[in-house]
Amino acid sequence: MRPIRHLLTAGIVALTLAGVSASAEQRPNILFCISDDQSWAYTGANGDPIVKTPAFDRIAAEGLRFVHSFCNAPTCGPSRSAILTGQPIWRLEEAGNIHSTLPAKFATYTEELQKAGYIVASTGKGWGPGRLGPGGRTEQPAGTPRHGRTLKPPFSGIQNIDYAGNFDDFVHELRGDEPFCFWLGAFEPHRDFEKGSGIATGKSPARVVVPKIFPDNEIVRSDMLDYLVEIEHFDAMVAQAIATLEKRGLLDNTIIVVTSDHGMPFPRAKASLYDWGTRVPLTIRWPKGIRNPGRAVESFVNLSDLAPTFLEAAGLKVPEMMTARSLMNIFANREVDPRPAAYTAMERHDGARAGGKGYPCRAIRTKDYLYIYNFEPARWPSGSPDPSVCARAIPYGEIDDSPTKTLMMENHLAHGIADLAELSFGKRPAEELYDLKTDPEQLVNVAGSAKYRESQTKMREQLFSHLAATKDPRVVGGKVDWDYYPYYGLVKTKGWSVDPKPKGRE
């Protein structure tokens, strides 16, 4: 099933509708700003009552704000691989795992832009974590790293990298009229956070909107405030980068994207296919290419859609292997092909089970339902409770250590916490279905209910049809080696190992 954007004429039409010329003189610059572990809800424009994100909010007001935007995988490396390649993770072999590699045979939008004369650079966290050498790459695929400037972070959990300063230096050094593509990748709000930093900035725990997947108490509220402090740091860096573009007269011919690689580092969020793990903020500004700015876009999109979008905006041919769909019709406000669903996936996250095995699952998210298919339901979805089989030597190692996680583990039998702890740490059935009209936070699995039999069948068929069309080897056959690919992360326990040589499972 080939998307419309694979037809060259469609790409030209989209460019024309958006009022954009593909001539070299008018090729847009690209500033791609990506945070690390930020769920969709946590921006001002998306409705959070506490967090201050004036840069995100400005881009949303002057461009497009996406209501149903999803990463391809709720784990750093695979998500970033999908963004760069314009493909779902099940097509990317080893890149479907974190702490792995990104094989050089998969084209990236950055490489294609560089071939066309773009100056490509990055700062902060680009593709990763993992090792590029085993995949045949010698350069950071996000762009040539720029890490010259540092700053004194306001709190210990924040990096000392001056992301905006490095971007300013990059722009200052540009010569001629070559367009640029810059990846501004923050490490924030990845854990660890400085405990109490949120309260120290004057934020009130009483104003926190606690997701229903967590216990509502002071520990969780303070943990979330600390999280918001780091989001605000990222947004401040984006604001400074925007100021650089304004100062240099480059703002209106630059596509600015602000997003995150996946959701928040809390239980039942990051490293899971529920909304708190996969739904991410996304806003895009491009005055020369977006009609009727200020819109809230209801269409479902994955972050992999950005790769073909960038290439079409630059007037370039999109490689055939990129199966994601360009957003150019959305930019033009003439979407002729509806986008009613987003698709997400997981394979191996952080080596949290015996033998380095992952938790393979796929999901389809529509306006009304979230359907998840778990291929190995006998495994622990959040990692084994036994820390000796986890690369990080922690129980339930797919979930980052945090005050919220500790609270839930230590009180897993307590009234008001037991059910939530089971949802976060317990095993899950092969099929999960959530009715988002009555259960927007996905707490009650209605799969197997007679009332939802027809909806469950329809969602299952739609998911597996998409997986077959995009050649997921777990559905169409072929090598299924994610459990056996090398793990290049730090191993903290002697009891953990992974087979370093894929065994060619067919």
Protein backbone atom coordinates (compact mmCIF):
# COMPACT_ATOMS: atom_id res chain seq x y z
CA MET A 1 0.00 0.00 0.00
CA ARG A 2 1.86 3.02 -1.29
CA PRO A 3 0.99 6.46 0.22
CA ILE A 4 0.00 9.26 -2.12
CA ARG A 5 3.17 11.16 -1.40
CA HIS A 6 5.25 8.57 -3.27
CA LEU A 7 3.89 10.01 -6.50
CA LEU A 8 6.11 12.83 -7.65
CA THR A 9 3.17 14.73 -9.07
CA ALA A 10 1.44 14.69 -5.72
CA GLY A 11 4.51 16.16 -4.13
CA ILE A 12 4.59 18.95 -6.68
CA VAL A 13 0.89 19.62 -6.16
CA ALA A 14 1.39 19.83 -2.42
CA LEU A 15 4.24 22.26 -2.84
CA THR A 16 2.19 24.39 -5.18
CA LEU A 17 -0.81 24.41 -2.88
CA ALA A 18 1.40 25.57 -0.05
CA GLY A 19 2.71 28.39 -2.19
CA VAL A 20 6.26 27.05 -2.09
CA SER A 21 8.74 26.93 -4.91
CA ALA A 22 11.19 24.05 -5.01
CA SER A 23 13.90 26.28 -6.48
CA ALA A 24 17.23 26.18 -4.70
CA GLU A 25 17.08 29.88 -3.89
CA GLN A 26 13.91 29.44 -1.84
CA ARG A 27 14.56 26.10 -0.21
CA PRO A 28 13.56 26.36 3.45
CA ASN A 29 15.90 25.99 6.35
CA ILE A 30 14.93 23.42 8.98
CA LEU A 31 15.25 23.77 12.76
CA PHE A 32 14.19 20.52 14.41
CA CYS A 33 13.85 20.83 18.20
CA ILE A 34 13.32 17.60 20.12
CA SER A 35 13.08 17.05 23.87
CA ASP A 36 13.70 13.72 25.58
CA ASP A 37 10.70 12.08 27.36
CA GLN A 38 7.96 14.73 27.11
CA SER A 39 4.33 13.59 26.99
CA TRP A 40 1.77 15.45 24.86
CA ALA A 41 -0.07 17.09 27.74
CA TYR A 42 2.89 19.06 29.09
CA THR A 43 2.83 22.32 27.16
CA GLY A 44 0.79 25.42 27.77
CA ALA A 45 -0.87 25.21 24.36
CA ASN A 46 -1.95 21.64 25.08
CA GLY A 47 -3.61 22.68 28.31
CA ASP A 48 -1.29 22.03 31.25
CA PRO A 49 -2.06 24.64 33.94
CA ILE A 50 1.46 24.84 35.40
CA VAL A 51 4.20 24.41 32.83
CA LYS A 52 5.39 27.55 31.03
CA THR A 53 6.24 26.89 27.38
CA PRO A 54 6.05 30.24 25.57
CA ALA A 55 8.21 29.05 22.66
CA PHE A 56 6.04 26.00 21.95
CA ASP A 57 2.92 28.10 22.40
CA ARG A 58 4.19 30.73 19.97
CA ILE A 59 4.99 28.16 17.27
CA ALA A 60 1.51 26.69 17.78
CA ALA A 61 -0.15 30.10 17.46
CA GLU A 62 1.84 30.99 14.34
CA GLY A 63 1.81 27.55 12.75
CA LEU A 64 0.14 24.19 13.37
CA ARG A 65 -0.53 22.37 16.63
CA PHE A 66 -1.08 18.63 16.26
CA VAL A 67 -3.71 17.15 18.55
CA HIS A 68 -3.05 13.49 17.69
CA SER A 69 0.72 13.26 17.28
CA PHE A 70 2.53 10.06 18.19
CA CYS A 71 6.09 8.79 18.23
CA ASN A 72 6.74 5.53 16.39
CA ALA A 73 8.19 3.83 19.47
CA PRO A 74 8.23 4.95 23.13
CA THR A 75 11.97 4.46 23.48
CA CYS A 76 14.80 6.83 22.50
CA GLY A 77 16.89 5.11 19.84
CA PRO A 78 14.07 3.46 17.88
CA SER A 79 11.98 6.63 17.92
CA ARG A 80 14.87 8.72 16.62
CA SER A 81 15.65 6.09 13.98
CA ALA A 82 12.06 6.29 12.73
CA ILE A 83 12.21 10.10 12.63
CA LEU A 84 15.41 10.07 10.60
CA THR A 85 14.45 7.30 8.18
CA GLY A 86 10.73 7.93 7.69
CA GLN A 87 9.99 4.28 8.47
CA PRO A 88 8.33 2.34 11.30
CA ILE A 89 10.73 0.49 13.57
CA TRP A 90 9.71 -2.97 12.34
CA ARG A 91 11.33 -2.15 8.99
CA LEU A 92 14.64 -1.06 10.53
CA GLU A 93 16.15 -4.33 11.77
CA GLU A 94 18.56 -3.63 14.66
CA ALA A 95 17.39 -0.02 14.91
CA GLY A 96 14.12 -1.34 16.35
CA ASN A 97 16.01 -1.84 19.64
CA ILE A 98 17.47 0.77 21.94
CA HIS A 99 21.25 0.55 22.64
CA SER A 100 21.69 -0.87 19.17
CA THR A 101 22.70 0.65 15.81
CA LEU A 102 21.18 2.28 12.72
CA PRO A 103 22.26 0.32 9.62
CA ALA A 104 23.69 2.55 6.90
CA LYS A 105 21.49 0.97 4.24
CA PHE A 106 18.52 2.92 5.58
CA ALA A 107 18.39 6.39 4.01
CA THR A 108 17.89 9.36 6.33
CA TYR A 109 16.39 12.74 5.50
CA THR A 110 19.57 14.41 6.77
CA GLU A 111 21.72 12.51 4.27
CA GLU A 112 19.37 13.34 1.42
CA LEU A 113 19.37 17.02 2.34
CA GLN A 114 23.14 17.05 2.60
CA LYS A 115 23.44 15.57 -0.88
CA ALA A 116 21.29 18.45 -2.13
CA GLY A 117 23.56 21.10 -0.64
CA TYR A 118 22.11 21.57 2.84
CA ILE A 119 24.46 22.26 5.74
CA VAL A 120 23.49 19.67 8.35
CA ALA A 121 24.47 19.93 12.02
CA SER A 122 23.21 19.06 15.51
CA THR A 123 23.68 19.79 19.17
CA GLY A 124 22.84 17.81 22.29
CA LYS A 125 21.22 14.41 21.92
CA GLY A 126 21.00 13.25 18.31
CA TRP A 127 20.53 9.65 17.31
CA GLY A 128 21.13 7.33 20.24
CA PRO A 129 21.85 5.71 22.56
CA GLY A 130 23.81 3.02 20.76
CA ARG A 131 26.83 2.50 18.52
CA LEU A 132 26.93 3.65 14.92
CA GLY A 133 30.03 1.72 13.83
CA PRO A 134 28.42 -1.74 13.73
CA GLY A 135 25.79 -0.36 11.38
CA GLY A 136 28.39 0.97 8.97
CA ARG A 137 28.06 4.64 9.87
CA THR A 138 30.91 6.97 10.77
CA GLU A 139 28.92 10.18 11.37
CA GLN A 140 26.10 11.16 13.70
CA PRO A 141 23.01 10.86 11.45
CA ALA A 142 21.30 13.82 13.13
CA GLY A 143 24.08 16.08 11.83
CA THR A 144 27.64 17.11 12.61
CA PRO A 145 27.74 17.63 16.40
CA ARG A 146 28.21 21.16 17.74
CA HIS A 147 28.98 21.14 21.48
CA GLY A 148 31.27 24.13 21.96
CA ARG A 149 29.17 26.20 24.32
CA THR A 150 28.23 25.32 27.88
CA LEU A 151 26.19 26.95 30.62
CA LYS A 152 25.65 26.69 34.34
CA PRO A 153 22.47 24.64 34.73
CA PRO A 154 19.88 25.89 37.21
CA PHE A 155 19.52 22.41 38.74
CA SER A 156 21.71 19.32 38.92
CA GLY A 157 19.44 17.19 36.71
CA ILE A 158 19.88 19.56 33.75
CA GLN A 159 22.78 19.24 31.30
CA ASN A 160 25.39 22.00 31.01
CA ILE A 161 25.06 22.07 27.21
CA ASP A 162 24.06 25.44 25.80
CA TYR A 163 21.91 24.10 22.98
CA ALA A 164 20.76 27.53 21.85
CA GLY A 165 24.27 28.97 22.06
CA ASN A 166 25.61 26.20 19.84
CA PHE A 167 22.85 26.90 17.33
CA ASP A 168 23.67 30.61 17.41
CA ASP A 169 27.34 29.85 16.70
CA PHE A 170 26.34 27.57 13.84
CA VAL A 171 24.14 30.23 12.22
CA HIS A 172 26.81 32.90 12.71
CA GLU A 173 29.34 30.75 10.81
CA LEU A 174 27.11 30.13 7.80
CA ARG A 175 28.43 31.51 4.54
CA GLY A 176 26.61 32.05 1.28
CA ASP A 177 23.00 31.12 0.63
CA GLU A 178 23.19 27.39 1.45
CA PRO A 179 20.10 26.20 3.32
CA PHE A 180 20.64 24.45 6.63
CA CYS A 181 19.09 21.65 8.64
CA PHE A 182 19.82 21.80 12.36
CA TRP A 183 18.84 19.23 15.02
CA LEU A 184 18.50 20.82 18.47
CA GLY A 185 18.24 17.81 20.76
CA ALA A 186 17.81 18.38 24.48
CA PHE A 187 18.53 15.70 27.07
CA GLU A 188 15.76 17.18 29.19
CA PRO A 189 13.34 16.11 30.67
CA HIS A 190 15.07 12.72 30.85
CA ARG A 191 15.75 11.58 34.41
CA ASP A 192 17.36 12.16 36.83
CA PHE A 193 15.68 15.30 38.19
CA GLU A 194 16.90 17.35 41.14
CA LYS A 195 14.45 16.44 43.87
CA GLY A 196 12.43 19.46 45.00
CA SER A 197 13.42 21.65 42.05
CA GLY A 198 9.80 22.22 41.07
CA ILE A 199 8.78 23.49 44.48
CA ALA A 200 12.00 25.54 44.64
CA THR A 201 10.87 27.47 41.55
CA GLY A 202 7.60 28.37 43.24
CA LYS A 203 5.38 25.80 41.59
CA SER A 204 2.45 24.64 43.72
CA PRO A 205 1.86 20.89 44.19
CA ALA A 206 -1.83 21.67 44.64
CA ARG A 207 -2.12 22.69 40.98
CA VAL A 208 -0.71 19.48 39.53
CA VAL A 209 -3.13 17.46 37.41
CA VAL A 210 -2.09 13.93 38.35
CA PRO A 211 -2.74 11.34 35.61
CA LYS A 212 -5.10 8.63 36.82
CA ILE A 213 -2.41 6.01 36.25
CA PHE A 214 -0.51 7.33 39.32
CA PRO A 215 -1.45 7.63 42.99
CA ASP A 216 -2.38 11.17 43.87
CA ASN A 217 -0.15 12.25 46.76
CA GLU A 218 2.59 14.74 47.59
CA ILE A 219 5.44 12.46 46.41
CA VAL A 220 3.97 12.10 42.94
CA ARG A 221 2.99 15.77 42.72
CA SER A 222 6.50 16.92 43.64
CA ASP A 223 8.04 14.44 41.18
CA MET A 224 5.87 15.84 38.41
CA LEU A 225 6.80 19.42 39.28
CA ASP A 226 10.49 18.49 38.99
CA TYR A 227 9.68 17.04 35.57
CA LEU A 228 8.03 20.27 34.44
CA VAL A 229 11.11 22.32 35.40
CA GLU A 230 13.15 20.39 32.85
CA ILE A 231 10.52 20.86 30.14
CA GLU A 232 10.69 24.59 30.77
CA HIS A 233 14.48 24.52 30.35
CA PHE A 234 14.08 22.89 26.92
CA ASP A 235 11.46 25.44 25.92
CA ALA A 236 13.75 28.30 26.96
CA MET A 237 16.44 26.91 24.65
CA VAL A 238 13.93 26.81 21.79
CA ALA A 239 12.95 30.42 22.49
CA GLN A 240 16.58 31.52 22.26
CA ALA A 241 17.02 29.63 18.99
CA ILE A 242 13.97 31.40 17.57
CA ALA A 243 15.50 34.71 18.63
CA THR A 244 18.66 33.82 16.70
CA LEU A 245 16.62 33.22 13.55
CA GLU A 246 14.81 36.53 14.00
CA LYS A 247 18.06 38.41 14.54
CA ARG A 248 19.55 36.91 11.37
CA GLY A 249 16.43 37.51 9.26
CA LEU A 250 15.93 33.77 8.73
CA LEU A 251 12.76 33.13 10.69
CA ASP A 252 10.14 33.17 7.95
CA ASN A 253 12.02 30.84 5.63
CA THR A 254 12.74 28.26 8.33
CA ILE A 255 10.58 25.26 9.11
CA ILE A 256 10.56 25.06 12.91
CA VAL A 257 9.44 21.81 14.49
CA VAL A 258 9.11 21.32 18.25
CA THR A 259 8.40 17.83 19.55
CA SER A 260 9.68 15.00 21.76
CA ASP A 261 10.93 11.49 21.09
CA HIS A 262 8.35 9.81 23.38
CA GLY A 263 6.47 10.17 26.62
CA MET A 264 7.27 10.80 30.27
CA PRO A 265 9.73 8.71 32.36
CA PHE A 266 7.10 7.39 34.76
CA PRO A 267 5.37 4.00 35.22
CA ARG A 268 2.92 2.96 32.46
CA ALA A 269 4.27 5.74 30.25
CA LYS A 270 7.73 5.59 28.63
CA ALA A 271 8.45 2.13 27.17
CA SER A 272 4.72 1.34 26.87
CA LEU A 273 2.21 1.80 24.05
CA TYR A 274 -0.31 3.70 26.15
CA ASP A 275 -0.84 7.39 25.40
CA TRP A 276 1.43 8.58 28.22
CA GLY A 277 4.26 6.75 26.45
CA THR A 278 3.49 7.41 22.78
CA ARG A 279 1.51 10.64 22.44
CA VAL A 280 3.93 13.54 22.08
CA PRO A 281 3.69 17.30 21.56
CA LEU A 282 4.16 18.48 18.00
CA THR A 283 3.95 21.97 16.55
CA ILE A 284 5.32 23.29 13.26
CA ARG A 285 5.82 26.85 11.98
CA TRP A 286 6.61 27.77 8.36
CA PRO A 287 5.02 31.03 7.15
CA LYS A 288 6.01 30.44 3.53
CA GLY A 289 4.57 26.93 3.47
CA ILE A 290 1.62 26.75 5.86
CA ARG A 291 -1.78 28.11 4.93
CA ASN A 292 -4.18 29.34 7.58
CA PRO A 293 -1.76 29.15 10.50
CA GLY A 294 -3.01 28.84 14.06
CA ARG A 295 -4.89 25.63 13.27
CA ALA A 296 -5.22 22.65 15.60
CA VAL A 297 -4.74 19.60 13.37
CA GLU A 298 -6.94 16.62 14.29
CA SER A 299 -5.38 14.16 11.83
CA PHE A 300 -3.32 11.31 13.31
CA VAL A 301 0.38 11.55 12.53
CA ASN A 302 3.55 9.72 13.48
CA LEU A 303 6.90 11.47 13.86
CA SER A 304 8.26 9.39 10.99
CA ASP A 305 6.06 11.57 8.75
CA LEU A 306 8.56 14.40 9.24
CA ALA A 307 11.28 12.84 7.05
CA PRO A 308 9.30 12.86 3.77
CA THR A 309 7.85 16.24 4.74
CA PHE A 310 11.28 17.84 5.01
CA LEU A 311 12.39 16.34 1.70
CA GLU A 312 9.28 17.39 -0.20
CA ALA A 313 9.47 20.89 1.27
CA ALA A 314 13.02 21.10 -0.11
CA GLY A 315 11.81 19.95 -3.53
CA LEU A 316 13.60 16.60 -3.28
CA LYS A 317 12.50 13.12 -4.28
CA VAL A 318 11.59 10.94 -1.32
CA PRO A 319 13.45 7.58 -1.29
CA GLU A 320 11.15 4.67 -2.04
CA MET A 321 12.03 2.97 1.25
CA MET A 322 10.45 5.81 3.26
CA THR A 323 6.91 4.57 3.84
CA ALA A 324 5.77 7.44 6.10
CA ARG A 325 3.43 10.10 4.73
CA SER A 326 4.38 13.71 4.09
CA LEU A 327 2.48 16.43 5.91
CA MET A 328 2.49 18.79 2.94
CA ASN A 329 -1.24 18.43 2.29
CA ILE A 330 -1.90 19.33 5.91
CA PHE A 331 0.36 22.36 5.52
CA ALA A 332 -1.70 23.38 2.48
CA ASN A 333 -4.95 22.88 4.43
CA ARG A 334 -6.13 20.51 1.70
CA GLU A 335 -5.94 17.07 3.15
CA VAL A 336 -7.42 14.79 0.50
CA ASP A 337 -6.49 11.50 2.15
CA PRO A 338 -7.70 11.13 5.76
CA ARG A 339 -5.36 10.05 8.54
CA PRO A 340 -7.65 8.25 10.99
CA ALA A 341 -5.00 6.29 12.89
CA ALA A 342 -1.44 6.25 14.21
CA TYR A 343 0.64 3.10 14.65
CA THR A 344 3.21 2.46 17.37
CA ALA A 345 5.51 -0.41 18.29
CA MET A 346 7.98 -1.80 20.82
CA GLU A 347 10.68 -4.40 20.67
CA ARG A 348 13.59 -4.44 23.14
CA HIS A 349 13.95 -1.43 25.39
CA ASP A 350 16.59 -1.55 28.10
CA GLY A 351 17.56 -5.20 28.49
CA ALA A 352 15.24 -5.87 31.41
CA ARG A 353 14.57 -9.60 30.94
CA ALA A 354 16.61 -12.80 31.05
CA GLY A 355 18.66 -13.26 27.91
CA GLY A 356 18.11 -9.69 26.78
CA LYS A 357 14.68 -10.40 25.38
CA GLY A 358 12.24 -7.62 24.67
CA TYR A 359 8.48 -7.18 24.89
CA PRO A 360 7.28 -7.14 21.27
CA CYS A 361 3.98 -5.37 20.76
CA ARG A 362 2.17 -3.25 18.18
CA ALA A 363 -0.69 -0.79 18.54
CA ILE A 364 -3.21 1.21 16.56
CA ARG A 365 -4.62 4.43 18.00
CA THR A 366 -7.77 6.04 16.59
CA LYS A 367 -10.06 8.73 17.95
CA ASP A 368 -12.25 6.15 19.69
CA TYR A 369 -9.96 3.26 20.58
CA LEU A 370 -6.47 2.12 21.47
CA TYR A 371 -5.82 -1.51 20.50
CA ILE A 372 -2.58 -3.27 21.49
CA TYR A 373 -1.37 -6.70 20.42
CA ASN A 374 1.29 -8.26 22.68
CA PHE A 375 3.22 -11.00 20.88
CA GLU A 376 4.79 -12.46 24.05
CA PRO A 377 2.27 -11.98 26.87
CA ALA A 378 4.08 -14.46 29.14
CA ARG A 379 6.95 -11.98 29.52
CA TRP A 380 7.03 -9.13 32.02
CA PRO A 381 6.05 -5.99 30.04
CA SER A 382 7.89 -3.57 32.35
CA GLY A 383 10.84 -5.89 32.83
CA SER A 384 11.44 -8.71 35.27
CA PRO A 385 10.93 -8.06 38.99
CA ASP A 386 14.31 -9.81 39.44
CA PRO A 387 17.03 -7.13 39.11
CA SER A 388 19.75 -9.74 38.49
CA VAL A 389 18.45 -10.34 34.95
CA CYS A 390 18.28 -6.62 34.08
CA ALA A 391 21.15 -4.82 32.40
CA ARG A 392 20.54 -1.87 34.72
CA ALA A 393 20.32 -4.10 37.80
CA ILE A 394 16.94 -2.72 38.84
CA PRO A 395 13.53 -4.38 39.15
CA TYR A 396 11.07 -3.66 36.36
CA GLY A 397 13.97 -2.17 34.46
CA GLU A 398 11.99 -0.82 31.51
CA ILE A 399 10.81 1.88 33.93
CA ASP A 400 13.36 4.48 35.04
CA ASP A 401 13.93 4.74 38.78
CA SER A 402 11.96 7.60 40.32
CA PRO A 403 10.16 8.64 43.50
CA THR A 404 6.87 7.70 41.83
CA LYS A 405 8.08 4.22 40.86
CA THR A 406 9.54 3.59 44.32
CA LEU A 407 6.32 4.67 45.99
CA MET A 408 4.26 2.33 43.83
CA MET A 409 6.61 -0.61 44.30
CA GLU A 410 6.89 -0.24 48.07
CA ASN A 411 3.11 0.12 48.46
CA HIS A 412 1.98 -2.29 45.77
CA LEU A 413 -0.53 -3.93 48.16
CA ALA A 414 -1.87 -0.71 49.67
CA HIS A 415 -5.41 0.50 49.12
CA GLY A 416 -5.54 3.02 46.29
CA ILE A 417 -2.17 1.91 44.89
CA ALA A 418 -2.46 -1.86 44.40
CA ASP A 419 -4.57 -1.67 41.23
CA LEU A 420 -2.33 1.01 39.72
CA ALA A 421 0.82 -0.95 40.58
CA GLU A 422 -0.62 -4.00 38.85
CA LEU A 423 -1.33 -1.94 35.74
CA SER A 424 2.26 -0.63 35.72
CA PHE A 425 4.23 -3.72 36.72
CA GLY A 426 1.99 -6.75 36.11
CA LYS A 427 1.67 -8.99 33.09
CA ARG A 428 -0.74 -8.21 30.27
CA PRO A 429 -2.93 -10.33 27.99
CA ALA A 430 -2.24 -10.82 24.29
CA GLU A 431 -4.90 -8.28 23.31
CA GLU A 432 -5.78 -4.96 24.92
CA LEU A 433 -8.59 -2.64 23.89
CA TYR A 434 -9.44 0.69 25.50
CA ASP A 435 -12.60 2.70 24.86
CA LEU A 436 -11.32 6.27 24.82
CA LYS A 437 -14.79 7.81 25.04
CA THR A 438 -15.29 6.40 28.54
CA ASP A 439 -11.69 5.65 29.52
CA PRO A 440 -9.33 8.27 28.02
CA GLU A 441 -6.43 7.29 30.30
CA GLN A 442 -6.66 3.62 29.33
CA LEU A 443 -7.19 1.97 32.70
CA VAL A 444 -9.82 -0.67 31.81
CA ASN A 445 -9.03 -3.32 29.21
CA VAL A 446 -12.31 -4.23 27.48
CA ALA A 447 -10.81 -6.81 25.12
CA GLY A 448 -12.82 -10.02 25.36
CA SER A 449 -16.01 -8.22 26.35
CA ALA A 450 -19.06 -9.20 24.31
CA LYS A 451 -20.02 -5.55 24.04
CA TYR A 452 -16.76 -4.73 22.27
CA ARG A 453 -16.31 -7.91 20.19
CA GLU A 454 -17.02 -6.18 16.87
CA SER A 455 -14.78 -3.19 17.67
CA GLN A 456 -11.97 -5.46 18.82
CA THR A 457 -12.14 -7.49 15.62
CA LYS A 458 -12.18 -4.36 13.48
CA MET A 459 -9.19 -2.82 15.27
CA ARG A 460 -7.22 -6.07 15.13
CA GLU A 461 -7.84 -6.41 11.39
CA GLN A 462 -6.92 -2.79 10.73
CA LEU A 463 -3.67 -3.12 12.69
CA PHE A 464 -2.58 -6.37 11.07
CA SER A 465 -3.53 -5.11 7.62
CA HIS A 466 -1.21 -2.13 8.13
CA LEU A 467 1.58 -4.35 9.49
CA ALA A 468 1.28 -6.63 6.48
CA ALA A 469 1.25 -3.72 4.03
CA THR A 470 4.41 -2.27 5.60
CA LYS A 471 6.06 -5.71 5.79
CA ASP A 472 6.41 -6.25 9.50
CA PRO A 473 8.32 -9.56 9.74
CA ARG A 474 6.33 -10.53 12.81
CA VAL A 475 3.30 -10.65 10.51
CA VAL A 476 4.58 -11.46 7.01
CA GLY A 477 7.54 -13.66 8.00
CA GLY A 478 11.30 -13.20 7.70
CA LYS A 479 14.01 -12.54 10.23
CA VAL A 480 12.70 -11.75 13.69
CA ASP A 481 15.98 -11.15 15.50
CA TRP A 482 15.21 -8.32 17.92
CA ASP A 483 15.69 -10.64 20.90
CA TYR A 484 19.14 -11.57 19.64
CA TYR A 485 20.71 -8.39 18.28
CA PRO A 486 23.72 -7.11 20.27
CA TYR A 487 23.09 -4.79 23.20
CA TYR A 488 25.57 -1.90 23.36
CA GLY A 489 24.37 -0.33 26.59
CA LEU A 490 26.05 -0.32 29.98
CA VAL A 491 25.57 -3.63 31.80
CA LYS A 492 25.57 -3.27 35.59
CA THR A 493 24.90 -6.87 36.61
CA LYS A 494 26.96 -10.00 36.00
CA GLY A 495 23.82 -12.06 35.77
CA TRP A 496 22.68 -10.38 32.57
CA SER A 497 23.78 -11.25 29.07
CA VAL A 498 22.56 -11.13 25.51
CA ASP A 499 23.67 -13.31 22.62
CA PRO A 500 26.06 -11.08 20.59
CA LYS A 501 25.36 -12.90 17.34
CA PRO A 502 21.90 -12.91 15.76
CA LYS A 503 20.82 -16.46 15.02
CA GLY A 504 18.77 -15.71 11.95
CA ARG A 505 15.37 -16.63 13.33
CA GLU A 506 13.03 -17.11 10.38
